[in-house]
N, C-alpha and C. Protein backbone atom coordinates (compact mmCIF):
# COMPACT_ATOMS: atom_id res chain seq x y z
N HIS A 1 -8.19 -25.21 38.38
CA HIS A 1 -8.23 -24.34 37.22
C HIS A 1 -7.43 -24.99 36.11
N ARG A 2 -8.09 -25.27 35.00
CA ARG A 2 -7.45 -25.94 33.88
C ARG A 2 -6.92 -24.91 32.89
N ARG A 3 -5.69 -25.04 32.51
CA ARG A 3 -5.08 -24.10 31.57
C ARG A 3 -5.20 -24.65 30.15
N VAL A 4 -5.70 -23.83 29.23
CA VAL A 4 -5.84 -24.23 27.84
C VAL A 4 -4.71 -23.61 27.05
N ARG A 5 -4.03 -24.42 26.28
CA ARG A 5 -2.91 -23.92 25.49
C ARG A 5 -3.36 -23.61 24.08
N ALA A 6 -2.91 -22.49 23.57
CA ALA A 6 -3.16 -22.14 22.18
C ALA A 6 -2.22 -22.94 21.30
N PRO A 7 -2.59 -23.16 20.03
CA PRO A 7 -1.67 -23.85 19.13
C PRO A 7 -0.36 -23.09 19.05
N ARG A 8 0.71 -23.81 18.98
CA ARG A 8 2.03 -23.18 18.95
C ARG A 8 2.40 -22.80 17.53
N HIS A 9 2.56 -21.51 17.31
CA HIS A 9 2.95 -20.99 16.00
C HIS A 9 4.34 -21.49 15.63
N ARG A 10 5.20 -21.60 16.58
CA ARG A 10 6.58 -21.96 16.32
C ARG A 10 6.69 -23.32 15.64
N ARG A 11 5.73 -24.18 15.86
CA ARG A 11 5.72 -25.49 15.21
C ARG A 11 5.72 -25.31 13.70
N HIS A 12 5.13 -24.23 13.20
CA HIS A 12 5.03 -23.99 11.77
C HIS A 12 6.05 -22.97 11.28
N ASP A 13 6.50 -22.09 12.12
CA ASP A 13 7.39 -21.01 11.71
C ASP A 13 8.55 -20.93 12.68
N ARG A 14 9.70 -21.34 12.24
CA ARG A 14 10.87 -21.39 13.12
C ARG A 14 11.58 -20.06 13.26
N THR A 15 11.10 -19.00 12.58
CA THR A 15 11.74 -17.69 12.72
C THR A 15 11.08 -16.84 13.79
N THR A 16 9.98 -17.33 14.37
CA THR A 16 9.33 -16.61 15.47
C THR A 16 9.32 -17.50 16.70
N HIS A 17 9.05 -16.92 17.83
CA HIS A 17 9.05 -17.65 19.10
C HIS A 17 7.74 -17.39 19.84
N ARG A 18 7.28 -18.37 20.62
CA ARG A 18 6.11 -18.17 21.46
C ARG A 18 6.57 -17.64 22.81
N LEU A 19 5.84 -16.71 23.34
CA LEU A 19 6.15 -16.16 24.65
C LEU A 19 4.84 -15.76 25.29
N ASP A 20 4.39 -16.55 26.28
CA ASP A 20 3.12 -16.26 26.96
C ASP A 20 1.97 -16.08 25.98
N ASP A 21 1.85 -17.01 25.03
CA ASP A 21 0.78 -16.99 24.03
C ASP A 21 0.78 -15.73 23.16
N ARG A 22 1.92 -15.07 23.07
CA ARG A 22 2.05 -13.93 22.17
C ARG A 22 3.19 -14.22 21.22
N LEU A 23 3.02 -13.84 19.98
CA LEU A 23 4.10 -14.04 19.02
C LEU A 23 5.20 -13.02 19.25
N ARG A 24 6.41 -13.49 19.10
CA ARG A 24 7.55 -12.59 19.22
C ARG A 24 8.47 -12.89 18.04
N HIS A 25 8.80 -11.88 17.28
CA HIS A 25 9.72 -12.04 16.17
C HIS A 25 11.10 -12.30 16.73
N SER A 26 11.96 -12.87 15.91
CA SER A 26 13.32 -13.18 16.34
C SER A 26 14.05 -11.98 16.91
N LEU A 27 13.66 -10.77 16.50
CA LEU A 27 14.31 -9.56 17.01
C LEU A 27 13.81 -9.17 18.39
N GLY A 28 12.84 -9.91 18.93
CA GLY A 28 12.33 -9.61 20.27
C GLY A 28 11.13 -8.69 20.28
N LEU A 29 10.58 -8.37 19.11
CA LEU A 29 9.43 -7.48 19.02
C LEU A 29 8.15 -8.30 19.07
N HIS A 30 7.21 -7.93 19.94
CA HIS A 30 5.92 -8.60 20.00
C HIS A 30 5.04 -8.05 18.88
N VAL A 31 4.45 -8.94 18.10
CA VAL A 31 3.64 -8.54 16.96
C VAL A 31 2.52 -7.60 17.41
N ALA A 32 1.81 -7.95 18.48
CA ALA A 32 0.71 -7.10 18.97
C ALA A 32 1.20 -5.70 19.34
N ASP A 33 2.38 -5.62 19.93
CA ASP A 33 2.94 -4.32 20.30
C ASP A 33 3.30 -3.49 19.07
N VAL A 34 3.85 -4.14 18.05
CA VAL A 34 4.22 -3.43 16.83
C VAL A 34 2.97 -2.90 16.13
N VAL A 35 1.93 -3.72 16.04
CA VAL A 35 0.68 -3.28 15.41
C VAL A 35 0.07 -2.12 16.19
N ALA A 36 0.04 -2.21 17.51
CA ALA A 36 -0.52 -1.14 18.35
C ALA A 36 0.29 0.15 18.20
N THR A 37 1.60 0.04 18.15
CA THR A 37 2.46 1.22 18.00
C THR A 37 2.25 1.87 16.63
N ASP A 38 2.21 1.05 15.58
CA ASP A 38 1.97 1.60 14.24
C ASP A 38 0.61 2.28 14.15
N SER A 39 -0.40 1.67 14.77
CA SER A 39 -1.74 2.25 14.76
C SER A 39 -1.76 3.59 15.49
N ALA A 40 -1.10 3.66 16.63
CA ALA A 40 -1.06 4.91 17.41
C ALA A 40 -0.33 5.99 16.62
N ARG A 41 0.78 5.65 16.01
CA ARG A 41 1.54 6.63 15.22
C ARG A 41 0.74 7.16 14.04
N ALA A 42 -0.15 6.31 13.50
CA ALA A 42 -0.97 6.71 12.35
C ALA A 42 -2.26 7.40 12.79
N GLY A 43 -2.45 7.57 14.10
CA GLY A 43 -3.64 8.25 14.62
C GLY A 43 -4.90 7.43 14.50
N CYS A 44 -4.79 6.11 14.48
CA CYS A 44 -5.94 5.22 14.31
C CYS A 44 -6.67 5.01 15.64
N ASP A 45 -7.91 4.54 15.54
CA ASP A 45 -8.67 4.15 16.72
C ASP A 45 -7.88 3.06 17.45
N PRO A 46 -7.93 3.03 18.79
CA PRO A 46 -7.11 2.08 19.54
C PRO A 46 -7.51 0.61 19.41
N THR A 47 -8.76 0.33 19.00
CA THR A 47 -9.21 -1.06 18.88
C THR A 47 -9.41 -1.40 17.41
N PRO A 48 -8.59 -2.31 16.85
CA PRO A 48 -8.75 -2.66 15.45
C PRO A 48 -9.97 -3.56 15.22
N THR A 49 -10.42 -3.62 13.98
CA THR A 49 -11.53 -4.47 13.58
C THR A 49 -10.98 -5.81 13.13
N ALA A 50 -11.53 -6.89 13.68
CA ALA A 50 -11.09 -8.24 13.31
C ALA A 50 -11.93 -8.76 12.15
N SER A 51 -11.28 -9.52 11.26
CA SER A 51 -11.99 -10.14 10.15
C SER A 51 -11.23 -11.39 9.71
N ALA A 52 -11.86 -12.14 8.82
CA ALA A 52 -11.23 -13.32 8.22
C ALA A 52 -11.40 -13.17 6.71
N PRO A 53 -10.51 -12.41 6.05
CA PRO A 53 -10.68 -12.09 4.63
C PRO A 53 -10.62 -13.30 3.70
N VAL A 54 -9.87 -14.32 4.06
CA VAL A 54 -9.81 -15.57 3.31
C VAL A 54 -9.66 -16.70 4.32
N ALA A 55 -9.96 -17.92 3.89
CA ALA A 55 -9.83 -19.07 4.78
C ALA A 55 -8.39 -19.19 5.27
N GLY A 56 -8.23 -19.38 6.58
CA GLY A 56 -6.91 -19.56 7.17
C GLY A 56 -6.19 -18.27 7.50
N VAL A 57 -6.91 -17.15 7.46
CA VAL A 57 -6.30 -15.85 7.77
C VAL A 57 -7.16 -15.09 8.76
N ASP A 58 -6.55 -14.60 9.83
CA ASP A 58 -7.19 -13.65 10.75
C ASP A 58 -6.54 -12.30 10.48
N ALA A 59 -7.36 -11.27 10.31
CA ALA A 59 -6.82 -9.95 10.01
C ALA A 59 -7.29 -8.94 11.05
N LEU A 60 -6.43 -7.98 11.35
CA LEU A 60 -6.77 -6.83 12.18
C LEU A 60 -6.57 -5.59 11.32
N THR A 61 -7.60 -4.74 11.25
CA THR A 61 -7.53 -3.52 10.46
C THR A 61 -7.85 -2.34 11.37
N SER A 62 -6.94 -1.40 11.44
CA SER A 62 -7.16 -0.20 12.25
C SER A 62 -8.02 0.78 11.47
N GLN A 63 -9.00 1.36 12.14
CA GLN A 63 -9.94 2.30 11.53
C GLN A 63 -9.68 3.71 12.01
N GLY A 64 -10.21 4.68 11.29
CA GLY A 64 -10.17 6.07 11.72
C GLY A 64 -8.78 6.68 11.77
N CYS A 65 -7.89 6.23 10.93
CA CYS A 65 -6.51 6.73 10.94
C CYS A 65 -6.45 8.13 10.34
N ASP A 66 -5.42 8.88 10.72
CA ASP A 66 -5.21 10.23 10.20
C ASP A 66 -4.87 10.19 8.71
N GLY A 67 -5.37 11.17 7.99
CA GLY A 67 -5.03 11.30 6.58
C GLY A 67 -5.29 10.03 5.80
N ASP A 68 -4.31 9.63 5.01
CA ASP A 68 -4.46 8.42 4.21
C ASP A 68 -3.70 7.24 4.81
N HIS A 69 -3.42 7.30 6.11
CA HIS A 69 -2.71 6.20 6.79
C HIS A 69 -3.62 4.98 6.91
N ARG A 70 -3.00 3.81 6.80
CA ARG A 70 -3.72 2.55 6.98
C ARG A 70 -2.80 1.58 7.72
N VAL A 71 -3.37 0.81 8.63
CA VAL A 71 -2.62 -0.22 9.34
C VAL A 71 -3.45 -1.50 9.28
N GLN A 72 -2.83 -2.55 8.77
CA GLN A 72 -3.52 -3.83 8.65
C GLN A 72 -2.51 -4.95 8.92
N TYR A 73 -2.95 -5.96 9.67
CA TYR A 73 -2.10 -7.10 10.01
C TYR A 73 -2.83 -8.38 9.63
N TRP A 74 -2.20 -9.22 8.83
CA TRP A 74 -2.76 -10.51 8.45
C TRP A 74 -1.95 -11.60 9.12
N LYS A 75 -2.62 -12.50 9.80
CA LYS A 75 -1.98 -13.65 10.45
C LYS A 75 -2.43 -14.91 9.72
N MET A 76 -1.48 -15.59 9.09
CA MET A 76 -1.79 -16.83 8.38
C MET A 76 -1.76 -17.97 9.38
N LEU A 77 -2.90 -18.62 9.57
CA LEU A 77 -3.04 -19.68 10.55
C LEU A 77 -2.48 -21.00 10.01
N GLY A 78 -1.60 -21.61 10.78
CA GLY A 78 -1.03 -22.90 10.39
C GLY A 78 0.03 -22.82 9.30
N ALA A 79 0.44 -21.61 8.96
CA ALA A 79 1.43 -21.46 7.89
C ALA A 79 2.83 -21.39 8.48
N GLY A 80 3.78 -21.72 7.66
CA GLY A 80 5.17 -21.54 8.04
C GLY A 80 5.59 -20.12 7.73
N HIS A 81 6.88 -19.88 7.70
CA HIS A 81 7.39 -18.56 7.35
C HIS A 81 7.45 -18.52 5.84
N ALA A 82 6.29 -18.29 5.22
CA ALA A 82 6.15 -18.46 3.80
C ALA A 82 5.43 -17.27 3.17
N TRP A 83 5.53 -17.15 1.85
CA TRP A 83 4.85 -16.12 1.09
C TRP A 83 3.64 -16.77 0.43
N ALA A 84 2.45 -16.45 0.90
CA ALA A 84 1.23 -17.08 0.42
C ALA A 84 1.09 -16.94 -1.09
N GLY A 85 0.71 -18.05 -1.73
CA GLY A 85 0.51 -18.06 -3.17
C GLY A 85 1.76 -18.43 -3.95
N ALA A 86 2.90 -18.44 -3.30
CA ALA A 86 4.15 -18.77 -3.97
C ALA A 86 4.30 -20.28 -4.08
N ASP A 87 5.06 -20.70 -5.07
CA ASP A 87 5.37 -22.12 -5.21
C ASP A 87 6.58 -22.39 -4.33
N ALA A 88 6.36 -23.01 -3.18
CA ALA A 88 7.44 -23.22 -2.22
C ALA A 88 8.42 -24.28 -2.67
N GLY A 89 7.97 -25.25 -3.45
CA GLY A 89 8.87 -26.30 -3.89
C GLY A 89 9.57 -26.95 -2.71
N LEU A 90 10.84 -27.24 -2.88
CA LEU A 90 11.61 -27.88 -1.81
C LEU A 90 11.85 -26.95 -0.63
N VAL A 91 11.77 -25.64 -0.86
CA VAL A 91 11.96 -24.68 0.24
C VAL A 91 10.90 -24.90 1.31
N GLY A 92 9.72 -25.39 0.91
CA GLY A 92 8.65 -25.67 1.85
C GLY A 92 9.05 -26.64 2.94
N LEU A 93 10.01 -27.50 2.66
CA LEU A 93 10.51 -28.41 3.69
C LEU A 93 11.16 -27.66 4.84
N PHE A 94 11.68 -26.48 4.56
CA PHE A 94 12.39 -25.70 5.57
C PHE A 94 11.53 -24.59 6.18
N VAL A 95 10.67 -23.99 5.35
CA VAL A 95 9.88 -22.85 5.84
C VAL A 95 8.50 -23.26 6.33
N GLY A 96 8.06 -24.47 6.04
CA GLY A 96 6.76 -24.93 6.49
C GLY A 96 5.68 -24.74 5.42
N HIS A 97 4.45 -25.00 5.82
CA HIS A 97 3.29 -24.94 4.91
C HIS A 97 3.16 -23.57 4.27
N THR A 98 2.94 -23.54 2.97
CA THR A 98 2.71 -22.29 2.24
C THR A 98 1.27 -22.27 1.74
N PRO A 99 0.43 -21.34 2.25
CA PRO A 99 -0.95 -21.25 1.77
C PRO A 99 -0.99 -20.93 0.28
N ARG A 100 -1.89 -21.60 -0.44
CA ARG A 100 -2.01 -21.37 -1.89
C ARG A 100 -3.38 -20.80 -2.25
N ASN A 101 -4.24 -20.54 -1.24
CA ASN A 101 -5.60 -20.08 -1.54
C ASN A 101 -5.70 -18.57 -1.77
N PHE A 102 -4.60 -17.85 -1.65
CA PHE A 102 -4.57 -16.43 -2.00
C PHE A 102 -3.13 -16.03 -2.29
N SER A 103 -2.97 -14.90 -2.92
CA SER A 103 -1.65 -14.40 -3.28
C SER A 103 -1.27 -13.24 -2.37
N ALA A 104 -0.22 -13.41 -1.59
CA ALA A 104 0.26 -12.32 -0.73
C ALA A 104 0.69 -11.13 -1.58
N THR A 105 1.23 -11.40 -2.75
CA THR A 105 1.65 -10.31 -3.65
C THR A 105 0.46 -9.45 -4.02
N GLU A 106 -0.67 -10.07 -4.41
CA GLU A 106 -1.87 -9.31 -4.76
C GLU A 106 -2.41 -8.53 -3.58
N VAL A 107 -2.38 -9.11 -2.38
CA VAL A 107 -2.86 -8.43 -1.18
C VAL A 107 -2.03 -7.17 -0.90
N VAL A 108 -0.72 -7.31 -0.99
CA VAL A 108 0.18 -6.17 -0.72
C VAL A 108 -0.02 -5.09 -1.78
N LEU A 109 -0.09 -5.47 -3.04
CA LEU A 109 -0.28 -4.47 -4.10
C LEU A 109 -1.63 -3.76 -3.96
N ASP A 110 -2.69 -4.52 -3.62
CA ASP A 110 -4.00 -3.91 -3.39
C ASP A 110 -3.96 -2.93 -2.22
N PHE A 111 -3.22 -3.29 -1.16
CA PHE A 111 -3.10 -2.43 0.01
C PHE A 111 -2.50 -1.08 -0.39
N PHE A 112 -1.44 -1.09 -1.19
CA PHE A 112 -0.79 0.16 -1.57
C PHE A 112 -1.54 0.92 -2.67
N ASP A 113 -2.39 0.23 -3.41
CA ASP A 113 -3.21 0.90 -4.43
C ASP A 113 -4.40 1.62 -3.82
N ALA A 114 -4.83 1.20 -2.64
CA ALA A 114 -6.03 1.80 -2.02
C ALA A 114 -5.78 3.22 -1.57
C-alpha cells in the first residue's frame, strides 16, 4: 500500500502546523473543526459546497443557514501567512508568497455587504 502525501502547507505558512494532513492553527484548533462548528452554530447544512472562486483558492460555503447567517472558508493554495492583494514587500521574505490575483480586503467587504 503506497501512501501519498499532500503538499505541506507549513512549507508556505510557518504560523500553522500539519497534523495528519489536516491544518492546525498555532492555537491547536483544526480548521475543518472550526468551520464545521461555525456552520452548526449557524444552523447550516452539514455538508458545505466546494468551489474555486479564483485561481489558487479552494472555498467551502455552507448553505441553508438560519436567518442571515453565512459561513465561508477560503484556502489560499501555496500562499504564506499573507493578506492576498497586499504589497508584501520585504515582509514577504518572512510570511511567504502573497497572492496578487485578488484582494482579500474586497472579498471580506463583499462578504459583509451581502
